[in-house]
Amino acid sequence: MLTAVEAILWFLRFLFGACIFSFLNVVIDRMPRGESVVKGRSHCTNCGRVLTAWELIPCFSFLALKGRCKGCKSQIPVRDFWSEMTGGAAFCGCVLSYGCGSSGILSLKGAVIFAYLGILLVVARIDWDTQIIYDRFHILILLLGVAALWLFPEHGMVDRLIGAVIISVPMLLLALIIPGAFGGGDIKLMAASGFFLGTGPVVCAMFFGLLTGGGYGAAMLLGKKLEKKDHFAFGPFLAFGLALAVFFGDQIVNWYLSLLS
């Protein structure tokens, strides 16, 4: 009986996280077009038909509709489905890592981390589409960093200030020397995230960002889908590294330092 109740509870947690990230899909879709993210009902971007409640159930509606609009049969972006799945997994991951707290749903620490992961998703997908990272997201991350000062005291103010500059300043210098090496949004993302995460995790995040971004660029060059002078959005790869650093950054840094000692 307890096992069944626990399974239902985890399912509801997953569904809650998927619902939040489903709303973020709306933000990702509308913000670059200058549309309101709170006004106007959800609709098919191809035929304009207003979606019913049954078509808005995160993850499950996509599967039930076989990835197509019920009206015009146009393809629903599969990345929306994966964003919702990511949201459910992220929420469950935050519960596992930071507990439920007095609310019984998610601790305050977990809520702050989940909010940060949501921002990273929006940043990654909008940057992939437009190669723009809006400053409002950097401000939101800095505000979360202020909350993190109290919630995660293991990274003090000095450590966070070093984290804010240890990656962003070299990125800025490299961008000045080699025009187009990094975009301003990428630099500000790493500065704000360095303040939020601290020194060790942001260095770890940059490593994974360079590893995955470099791998993607090399694959595109080998496949002749990009030329040497072409640019691609680097924000999604930085966001991936930052998401990994949220959960594993300190452990990876401690493991690496233990190898050196």
C-alpha atoms as a PDB file:
ATOM      1  CA  MET A   1       0.000   0.000   0.000  1.00  0.00           C
ATOM      2  CA  LEU A   2       2.753   2.406   0.978  1.00  0.00           C
ATOM      3  CA  THR A   3       4.642   1.552  -2.218  1.00  0.00           C
ATOM      4  CA  ALA A   4       1.594   2.429  -4.327  1.00  0.00           C
ATOM      5  CA  VAL A   5       1.102   5.717  -2.483  1.00  0.00           C
ATOM      6  CA  GLU A   6       4.778   6.566  -2.906  1.00  0.00           C
ATOM      7  CA  ALA A   7       4.601   5.799  -6.626  1.00  0.00           C
ATOM      8  CA  ILE A   8       1.558   8.041  -7.021  1.00  0.00           C
ATOM      9  CA  LEU A   9       3.363  10.818  -5.130  1.00  0.00           C
ATOM     10  CA  TRP A  10       6.371  10.600  -7.446  1.00  0.00           C
ATOM     11  CA  PHE A  11       4.069  10.601 -10.452  1.00  0.00           C
ATOM     12  CA  LEU A  12       2.386  13.780  -9.206  1.00  0.00           C
ATOM     13  CA  ARG A  13       5.786  15.385  -8.634  1.00  0.00           C
ATOM     14  CA  PHE A  14       6.823  14.490 -12.156  1.00  0.00           C
ATOM     15  CA  LEU A  15       3.551  15.848 -13.551  1.00  0.00           C
ATOM     16  CA  PHE A  16       3.938  19.101 -11.593  1.00  0.00           C
ATOM     17  CA  GLY A  17       7.441  19.669 -12.964  1.00  0.00           C
ATOM     18  CA  ALA A  18       6.252  18.817 -16.469  1.00  0.00           C
ATOM     19  CA  CYS A  19       3.401  21.339 -16.116  1.00  0.00           C
ATOM     20  CA  ILE A  20       5.815  24.114 -15.153  1.00  0.00           C
ATOM     21  CA  PHE A  21       8.097  23.375 -18.071  1.00  0.00           C
ATOM     22  CA  SER A  22       5.071  23.109 -20.357  1.00  0.00           C
ATOM     23  CA  PHE A  23       4.322  26.726 -19.493  1.00  0.00           C
ATOM     24  CA  LEU A  24       7.961  27.543 -20.239  1.00  0.00           C
ATOM     25  CA  ASN A  25       7.352  26.164 -23.734  1.00  0.00           C
ATOM     26  CA  VAL A  26       4.830  28.993 -24.125  1.00  0.00           C
ATOM     27  CA  VAL A  27       7.435  31.511 -22.951  1.00  0.00           C
ATOM     28  CA  ILE A  28       9.981  30.098 -25.410  1.00  0.00           C
ATOM     29  CA  ASP A  29       7.501  30.267 -28.266  1.00  0.00           C
ATOM     30  CA  ARG A  30       6.021  33.703 -27.616  1.00  0.00           C
ATOM     31  CA  MET A  31       8.793  35.836 -26.165  1.00  0.00           C
ATOM     32  CA  PRO A  32      10.921  36.112 -29.338  1.00  0.00           C
ATOM     33  CA  ARG A  33       7.776  37.152 -31.236  1.00  0.00           C
ATOM     34  CA  GLY A  34       6.972  39.854 -28.683  1.00  0.00           C
ATOM     35  CA  GLU A  35       3.700  38.190 -27.629  1.00  0.00           C
ATOM     36  CA  SER A  36       2.340  38.129 -24.093  1.00  0.00           C
ATOM     37  CA  VAL A  37       3.137  34.927 -22.218  1.00  0.00           C
ATOM     38  CA  VAL A  38       0.155  35.283 -19.871  1.00  0.00           C
ATOM     39  CA  LYS A  39      -2.586  36.548 -22.180  1.00  0.00           C
ATOM     40  CA  GLY A  40      -4.227  34.526 -24.904  1.00  0.00           C
ATOM     41  CA  ARG A  41      -5.113  30.854 -24.830  1.00  0.00           C
ATOM     42  CA  SER A  42      -2.773  28.165 -26.100  1.00  0.00           C
ATOM     43  CA  HIS A  43      -3.255  27.506 -29.779  1.00  0.00           C
ATOM     44  CA  CYS A  44      -1.751  25.654 -32.716  1.00  0.00           C
ATOM     45  CA  THR A  45       0.901  27.874 -34.266  1.00  0.00           C
ATOM     46  CA  ASN A  46       0.077  26.469 -37.699  1.00  0.00           C
ATOM     47  CA  CYS A  47      -3.737  26.678 -37.946  1.00  0.00           C
ATOM     48  CA  GLY A  48      -4.471  28.941 -34.970  1.00  0.00           C
ATOM     49  CA  ARG A  49      -7.009  26.545 -33.426  1.00  0.00           C
ATOM     50  CA  VAL A  50      -7.428  27.000 -29.661  1.00  0.00           C
ATOM     51  CA  LEU A  51      -6.317  23.852 -27.861  1.00  0.00           C
ATOM     52  CA  THR A  52      -8.656  21.970 -25.536  1.00  0.00           C
ATOM     53  CA  ALA A  53      -7.763  20.961 -21.989  1.00  0.00           C
ATOM     54  CA  TRP A  54      -7.179  17.360 -23.118  1.00  0.00           C
ATOM     55  CA  GLU A  55      -4.554  18.582 -25.582  1.00  0.00           C
ATOM     56  CA  LEU A  56      -2.612  20.402 -22.884  1.00  0.00           C
ATOM     57  CA  ILE A  57      -1.749  17.542 -20.549  1.00  0.00           C
ATOM     58  CA  PRO A  58       2.065  17.583 -20.417  1.00  0.00           C
ATOM     59  CA  CYS A  59       3.784  14.633 -22.131  1.00  0.00           C
ATOM     60  CA  PHE A  60       0.654  12.484 -22.382  1.00  0.00           C
ATOM     61  CA  SER A  61      -1.222  14.683 -24.871  1.00  0.00           C
ATOM     62  CA  PHE A  62       1.744  14.601 -27.245  1.00  0.00           C
ATOM     63  CA  LEU A  63       1.820  10.805 -27.114  1.00  0.00           C
ATOM     64  CA  ALA A  64      -1.960  10.464 -27.443  1.00  0.00           C
ATOM     65  CA  LEU A  65      -2.020  12.792 -30.462  1.00  0.00           C
ATOM     66  CA  LYS A  66       1.019  11.032 -31.946  1.00  0.00           C
ATOM     67  CA  GLY A  67       2.823  14.357 -32.116  1.00  0.00           C
ATOM     68  CA  ARG A  68       0.327  16.059 -34.430  1.00  0.00           C
ATOM     69  CA  CYS A  69      -2.271  18.804 -34.122  1.00  0.00           C
ATOM     70  CA  LYS A  70      -5.774  17.351 -33.781  1.00  0.00           C
ATOM     71  CA  GLY A  71      -7.106  19.896 -36.260  1.00  0.00           C
ATOM     72  CA  CYS A  72      -4.634  20.476 -39.086  1.00  0.00           C
ATOM     73  CA  LYS A  73      -2.445  17.405 -38.412  1.00  0.00           C
ATOM     74  CA  SER A  74       0.716  19.517 -38.494  1.00  0.00           C
ATOM     75  CA  GLN A  75       3.727  18.235 -36.567  1.00  0.00           C
ATOM     76  CA  ILE A  76       3.957  19.347 -32.942  1.00  0.00           C
ATOM     77  CA  PRO A  77       7.601  20.179 -32.149  1.00  0.00           C
ATOM     78  CA  VAL A  78       9.024  17.091 -30.466  1.00  0.00           C
ATOM     79  CA  ARG A  79      11.318  19.306 -28.409  1.00  0.00           C
ATOM     80  CA  ASP A  80       8.241  20.577 -26.547  1.00  0.00           C
ATOM     81  CA  PHE A  81       7.620  17.004 -25.419  1.00  0.00           C
ATOM     82  CA  TRP A  82      11.226  16.593 -24.308  1.00  0.00           C
ATOM     83  CA  SER A  83      11.104  19.913 -22.465  1.00  0.00           C
ATOM     84  CA  GLU A  84       8.123  18.659 -20.477  1.00  0.00           C
ATOM     85  CA  MET A  85       9.882  15.370 -19.764  1.00  0.00           C
ATOM     86  CA  THR A  86      12.925  17.340 -18.642  1.00  0.00           C
ATOM     87  CA  GLY A  87      10.756  19.399 -16.309  1.00  0.00           C
ATOM     88  CA  GLY A  88       9.326  16.295 -14.669  1.00  0.00           C
ATOM     89  CA  ALA A  89      12.777  14.743 -14.295  1.00  0.00           C
ATOM     90  CA  ALA A  90      14.239  18.009 -12.971  1.00  0.00           C
ATOM     91  CA  PHE A  91      11.541  18.343 -10.318  1.00  0.00           C
ATOM     92  CA  CYS A  92      12.038  14.752  -9.177  1.00  0.00           C
ATOM     93  CA  GLY A  93      15.803  15.311  -9.175  1.00  0.00           C
ATOM     94  CA  CYS A  94      15.412  18.373  -6.979  1.00  0.00           C
ATOM     95  CA  VAL A  95      13.256  16.382  -4.543  1.00  0.00           C
ATOM     96  CA  LEU A  96      15.867  13.613  -4.386  1.00  0.00           C
ATOM     97  CA  SER A  97      18.743  16.062  -3.910  1.00  0.00           C
ATOM     98  CA  TYR A  98      17.145  18.657  -1.611  1.00  0.00           C
ATOM     99  CA  GLY A  99      14.166  16.953   0.003  1.00  0.00           C
ATOM    100  CA  CYS A 100      10.541  17.956   0.401  1.00  0.00           C
ATOM    101  CA  GLY A 101      10.841  20.439   3.245  1.00  0.00           C
ATOM    102  CA  SER A 102       7.904  21.374   5.458  1.00  0.00           C
ATOM    103  CA  SER A 103       5.678  21.827   2.392  1.00  0.00           C
ATOM    104  CA  GLY A 104       5.794  18.121   1.624  1.00  0.00           C
ATOM    105  CA  ILE A 105       6.314  18.968  -2.061  1.00  0.00           C
ATOM    106  CA  LEU A 106       9.726  20.559  -2.451  1.00  0.00           C
ATOM    107  CA  SER A 107      12.128  22.285  -0.095  1.00  0.00           C
ATOM    108  CA  LEU A 108      13.028  25.943  -0.576  1.00  0.00           C
ATOM    109  CA  LYS A 109      16.512  24.909  -1.691  1.00  0.00           C
ATOM    110  CA  GLY A 110      15.027  22.582  -4.268  1.00  0.00           C
ATOM    111  CA  ALA A 111      12.594  25.252  -5.462  1.00  0.00           C
ATOM    112  CA  VAL A 112      15.447  27.700  -6.103  1.00  0.00           C
ATOM    113  CA  ILE A 113      17.403  25.066  -8.032  1.00  0.00           C
ATOM    114  CA  PHE A 114      14.308  24.077 -10.021  1.00  0.00           C
ATOM    115  CA  ALA A 115      13.684  27.723 -10.917  1.00  0.00           C
ATOM    116  CA  TYR A 116      17.288  28.021 -12.110  1.00  0.00           C
ATOM    117  CA  LEU A 117      16.927  24.912 -14.267  1.00  0.00           C
ATOM    118  CA  GLY A 118      13.777  26.377 -15.787  1.00  0.00           C
ATOM    119  CA  ILE A 119      15.638  29.564 -16.678  1.00  0.00           C
ATOM    120  CA  LEU A 120      18.405  27.502 -18.275  1.00  0.00           C
ATOM    121  CA  LEU A 121      15.869  25.679 -20.434  1.00  0.00           C
ATOM    122  CA  VAL A 122      14.344  28.935 -21.692  1.00  0.00           C
ATOM    123  CA  VAL A 123      17.780  30.449 -22.306  1.00  0.00           C
ATOM    124  CA  ALA A 124      18.993  27.384 -24.204  1.00  0.00           C
ATOM    125  CA  ARG A 125      16.020  27.062 -26.506  1.00  0.00           C
ATOM    126  CA  ILE A 126      15.590  30.752 -27.281  1.00  0.00           C
ATOM    127  CA  ASP A 127      19.310  31.101 -27.928  1.00  0.00           C
ATOM    128  CA  TRP A 128      19.221  28.067 -30.230  1.00  0.00           C
ATOM    129  CA  ASP A 129      16.443  29.671 -32.271  1.00  0.00           C
ATOM    130  CA  THR A 130      17.546  33.302 -32.249  1.00  0.00           C
ATOM    131  CA  GLN A 131      21.135  33.444 -30.898  1.00  0.00           C
ATOM    132  CA  ILE A 132      19.848  35.934 -28.325  1.00  0.00           C
ATOM    133  CA  ILE A 133      19.909  35.625 -24.524  1.00  0.00           C
ATOM    134  CA  TYR A 134      17.699  38.253 -22.926  1.00  0.00           C
ATOM    135  CA  ASP A 135      19.148  40.261 -20.025  1.00  0.00           C
ATOM    136  CA  ARG A 136      16.057  39.617 -17.912  1.00  0.00           C
ATOM    137  CA  PHE A 137      17.236  36.026 -17.448  1.00  0.00           C
ATOM    138  CA  HIS A 138      20.615  37.149 -16.159  1.00  0.00           C
ATOM    139  CA  ILE A 139      18.831  39.387 -13.654  1.00  0.00           C
ATOM    140  CA  LEU A 140      16.634  36.504 -12.512  1.00  0.00           C
ATOM    141  CA  ILE A 141      19.704  34.315 -11.991  1.00  0.00           C
ATOM    142  CA  LEU A 142      21.363  37.062  -9.938  1.00  0.00           C
ATOM    143  CA  LEU A 143      18.253  37.285  -7.761  1.00  0.00           C
ATOM    144  CA  LEU A 144      18.406  33.542  -7.235  1.00  0.00           C
ATOM    145  CA  GLY A 145      22.071  34.019  -6.339  1.00  0.00           C
ATOM    146  CA  VAL A 146      21.087  36.413  -3.575  1.00  0.00           C
ATOM    147  CA  ALA A 147      18.718  33.761  -2.200  1.00  0.00           C
ATOM    148  CA  ALA A 148      21.458  31.144  -2.568  1.00  0.00           C
ATOM    149  CA  LEU A 149      23.729  33.180  -0.274  1.00  0.00           C
ATOM    150  CA  TRP A 150      21.406  32.263   2.563  1.00  0.00           C
ATOM    151  CA  LEU A 151      20.285  28.829   1.390  1.00  0.00           C
ATOM    152  CA  PHE A 152      23.712  27.501   0.346  1.00  0.00           C
ATOM    153  CA  PRO A 153      26.201  29.051   2.812  1.00  0.00           C
ATOM    154  CA  GLU A 154      28.919  26.566   1.797  1.00  0.00           C
ATOM    155  CA  HIS A 155      29.632  28.972  -1.063  1.00  0.00           C
ATOM    156  CA  GLY A 156      30.300  32.320   0.604  1.00  0.00           C
ATOM    157  CA  MET A 157      30.246  35.786  -0.918  1.00  0.00           C
ATOM    158  CA  VAL A 158      33.949  35.732  -1.843  1.00  0.00           C
ATOM    159  CA  ASP A 159      33.619  32.365  -3.558  1.00  0.00           C
ATOM    160  CA  ARG A 160      30.582  33.589  -5.495  1.00  0.00           C
ATOM    161  CA  LEU A 161      32.265  36.810  -6.574  1.00  0.00           C
ATOM    162  CA  ILE A 162      35.255  34.834  -7.826  1.00  0.00           C
ATOM    163  CA  GLY A 163      32.824  32.524  -9.594  1.00  0.00           C
ATOM    164  CA  ALA A 164      31.246  35.516 -11.313  1.00  0.00           C
ATOM    165  CA  VAL A 165      34.550  36.576 -12.913  1.00  0.00           C
ATOM    166  CA  ILE A 166      36.695  33.451 -13.215  1.00  0.00           C
ATOM    167  CA  ILE A 167      34.978  32.329 -16.430  1.00  0.00           C
ATOM    168  CA  SER A 168      33.214  35.450 -17.693  1.00  0.00           C
ATOM    169  CA  VAL A 169      36.272  37.720 -17.727  1.00  0.00           C
ATOM    170  CA  PRO A 170      38.419  35.333 -19.835  1.00  0.00           C
ATOM    171  CA  MET A 171      35.432  34.904 -22.154  1.00  0.00           C
ATOM    172  CA  LEU A 172      35.171  38.686 -22.488  1.00  0.00           C
ATOM    173  CA  LEU A 173      38.890  39.083 -23.196  1.00  0.00           C
ATOM    174  CA  LEU A 174      38.767  36.316 -25.788  1.00  0.00           C
ATOM    175  CA  ALA A 175      35.735  37.925 -27.427  1.00  0.00           C
ATOM    176  CA  LEU A 176      37.633  41.229 -27.641  1.00  0.00           C
ATOM    177  CA  ILE A 177      40.655  39.537 -29.208  1.00  0.00           C
ATOM    178  CA  ILE A 178      38.650  37.272 -31.526  1.00  0.00           C
ATOM    179  CA  PRO A 179      35.389  38.946 -32.580  1.00  0.00           C
ATOM    180  CA  GLY A 180      32.497  36.518 -32.351  1.00  0.00           C
ATOM    181  CA  ALA A 181      34.321  34.035 -30.105  1.00  0.00           C
ATOM    182  CA  PHE A 182      31.580  34.455 -27.502  1.00  0.00           C
ATOM    183  CA  GLY A 183      28.386  36.453 -27.484  1.00  0.00           C
ATOM    184  CA  GLY A 184      27.589  39.024 -24.825  1.00  0.00           C
ATOM    185  CA  GLY A 185      24.684  36.914 -23.615  1.00  0.00           C
ATOM    186  CA  ASP A 186      26.965  33.911 -23.084  1.00  0.00           C
ATOM    187  CA  ILE A 187      29.391  36.014 -21.064  1.00  0.00           C
ATOM    188  CA  LYS A 188      26.655  37.480 -18.868  1.00  0.00           C
ATOM    189  CA  LEU A 189      25.094  34.042 -18.406  1.00  0.00           C
ATOM    190  CA  MET A 190      28.351  32.676 -17.011  1.00  0.00           C
ATOM    191  CA  ALA A 191      28.875  35.742 -14.814  1.00  0.00           C
ATOM    192  CA  ALA A 192      25.413  35.493 -13.265  1.00  0.00           C
ATOM    193  CA  SER A 193      25.627  31.708 -12.973  1.00  0.00           C
ATOM    194  CA  GLY A 194      29.080  31.949 -11.418  1.00  0.00           C
ATOM    195  CA  PHE A 195      27.592  34.111  -8.679  1.00  0.00           C
ATOM    196  CA  PHE A 196      24.743  31.640  -8.223  1.00  0.00           C
ATOM    197  CA  LEU A 197      26.830  28.445  -8.228  1.00  0.00           C
ATOM    198  CA  GLY A 198      30.217  29.494  -6.907  1.00  0.00           C
ATOM    199  CA  THR A 199      33.726  29.040  -8.285  1.00  0.00           C
ATOM    200  CA  GLY A 200      34.152  25.277  -8.535  1.00  0.00           C
ATOM    201  CA  PRO A 201      30.794  24.430 -10.124  1.00  0.00           C
ATOM    202  CA  VAL A 202      30.971  27.203 -12.747  1.00  0.00           C
ATOM    203  CA  VAL A 203      34.451  26.056 -13.824  1.00  0.00           C
ATOM    204  CA  CYS A 204      33.047  22.537 -14.099  1.00  0.00           C
ATOM    205  CA  ALA A 205      30.103  23.885 -16.110  1.00  0.00           C
ATOM    206  CA  MET A 206      32.407  25.647 -18.557  1.00  0.00           C
ATOM    207  CA  PHE A 207      34.369  22.441 -19.074  1.00  0.00           C
ATOM    208  CA  PHE A 208      31.248  20.504 -20.036  1.00  0.00           C
ATOM    209  CA  GLY A 209      30.008  23.422 -22.138  1.00  0.00           C
ATOM    210  CA  LEU A 210      33.238  23.518 -24.123  1.00  0.00           C
ATOM    211  CA  LEU A 211      33.309  19.731 -24.403  1.00  0.00           C
ATOM    212  CA  THR A 212      29.785  19.402 -25.789  1.00  0.00           C
ATOM    213  CA  GLY A 213      29.844  22.627 -27.807  1.00  0.00           C
ATOM    214  CA  GLY A 214      33.211  21.769 -29.309  1.00  0.00           C
ATOM    215  CA  GLY A 215      32.009  18.269 -30.138  1.00  0.00           C
ATOM    216  CA  TYR A 216      28.925  19.642 -31.855  1.00  0.00           C
ATOM    217  CA  GLY A 217      30.951  22.185 -33.838  1.00  0.00           C
ATOM    218  CA  ALA A 218      33.436  19.532 -34.934  1.00  0.00           C
ATOM    219  CA  ALA A 219      30.620  17.208 -36.017  1.00  0.00           C
ATOM    220  CA  MET A 220      28.958  19.974 -38.025  1.00  0.00           C
ATOM    221  CA  LEU A 221      32.252  20.833 -39.733  1.00  0.00           C
ATOM    222  CA  LEU A 222      32.961  17.207 -40.585  1.00  0.00           C
ATOM    223  CA  GLY A 223      29.449  16.839 -41.928  1.00  0.00           C
ATOM    224  CA  LYS A 224      29.941  20.028 -43.938  1.00  0.00           C
ATOM    225  CA  LYS A 225      26.839  21.544 -42.351  1.00  0.00           C
ATOM    226  CA  LEU A 226      28.899  24.469 -41.067  1.00  0.00           C
ATOM    227  CA  GLU A 227      31.801  26.442 -42.482  1.00  0.00           C
ATOM    228  CA  LYS A 228      34.778  27.525 -40.389  1.00  0.00           C
ATOM    229  CA  LYS A 229      33.522  31.108 -40.313  1.00  0.00           C
ATOM    230  CA  ASP A 230      29.967  30.161 -39.341  1.00  0.00           C
ATOM    231  CA  HIS A 231      28.634  30.755 -35.834  1.00  0.00           C
ATOM    232  CA  PHE A 232      26.214  28.664 -33.841  1.00  0.00           C
ATOM    233  CA  ALA A 233      24.432  29.236 -30.541  1.00  0.00           C
ATOM    234  CA  PHE A 234      26.759  28.315 -27.665  1.00  0.00           C
ATOM    235  CA  GLY A 235      24.245  29.107 -24.933  1.00  0.00           C
ATOM    236  CA  PRO A 236      22.540  25.676 -25.049  1.00  0.00           C
ATOM    237  CA  PHE A 237      25.850  23.936 -24.386  1.00  0.00           C
ATOM    238  CA  LEU A 238      26.676  26.304 -21.541  1.00  0.00           C
ATOM    239  CA  ALA A 239      23.193  25.686 -20.130  1.00  0.00           C
ATOM    240  CA  PHE A 240      23.782  21.929 -20.310  1.00  0.00           C
ATOM    241  CA  GLY A 241      27.065  22.293 -18.433  1.00  0.00           C
ATOM    242  CA  LEU A 242      25.447  24.539 -15.839  1.00  0.00           C
ATOM    243  CA  ALA A 243      22.610  22.066 -15.298  1.00  0.00           C
ATOM    244  CA  LEU A 244      25.133  19.288 -14.686  1.00  0.00           C
ATOM    245  CA  ALA A 245      27.083  21.539 -12.322  1.00  0.00           C
ATOM    246  CA  VAL A 246      23.962  22.219 -10.260  1.00  0.00           C
ATOM    247  CA  PHE A 247      23.755  18.583  -9.201  1.00  0.00           C
ATOM    248  CA  PHE A 248      27.303  17.301  -9.592  1.00  0.00           C
ATOM    249  CA  GLY A 249      29.630  20.316  -9.776  1.00  0.00           C
ATOM    250  CA  ASP A 250      30.951  20.234  -6.220  1.00  0.00           C
ATOM    251  CA  GLN A 251      31.369  16.442  -6.282  1.00  0.00           C
ATOM    252  CA  ILE A 252      33.284  16.540  -9.573  1.00  0.00           C
ATOM    253  CA  VAL A 253      35.553  19.326  -8.327  1.00  0.00           C
ATOM    254  CA  ASN A 254      36.240  17.488  -5.046  1.00  0.00           C
ATOM    255  CA  TRP A 255      36.963  14.278  -6.953  1.00  0.00           C
ATOM    256  CA  TYR A 256      39.370  16.069  -9.272  1.00  0.00           C
ATOM    257  CA  LEU A 257      41.164  17.782  -6.399  1.00  0.00           C
ATOM    258  CA  SER A 258      41.518  14.443  -4.602  1.00  0.00           C
ATOM    259  CA  LEU A 259      43.381  13.108  -7.641  1.00  0.00           C
ATOM    260  CA  LEU A 260      45.862  15.974  -7.373  1.00  0.00           C
ATOM    261  CA  SER A 261      46.517  15.506  -3.651  1.00  0.00           C
END
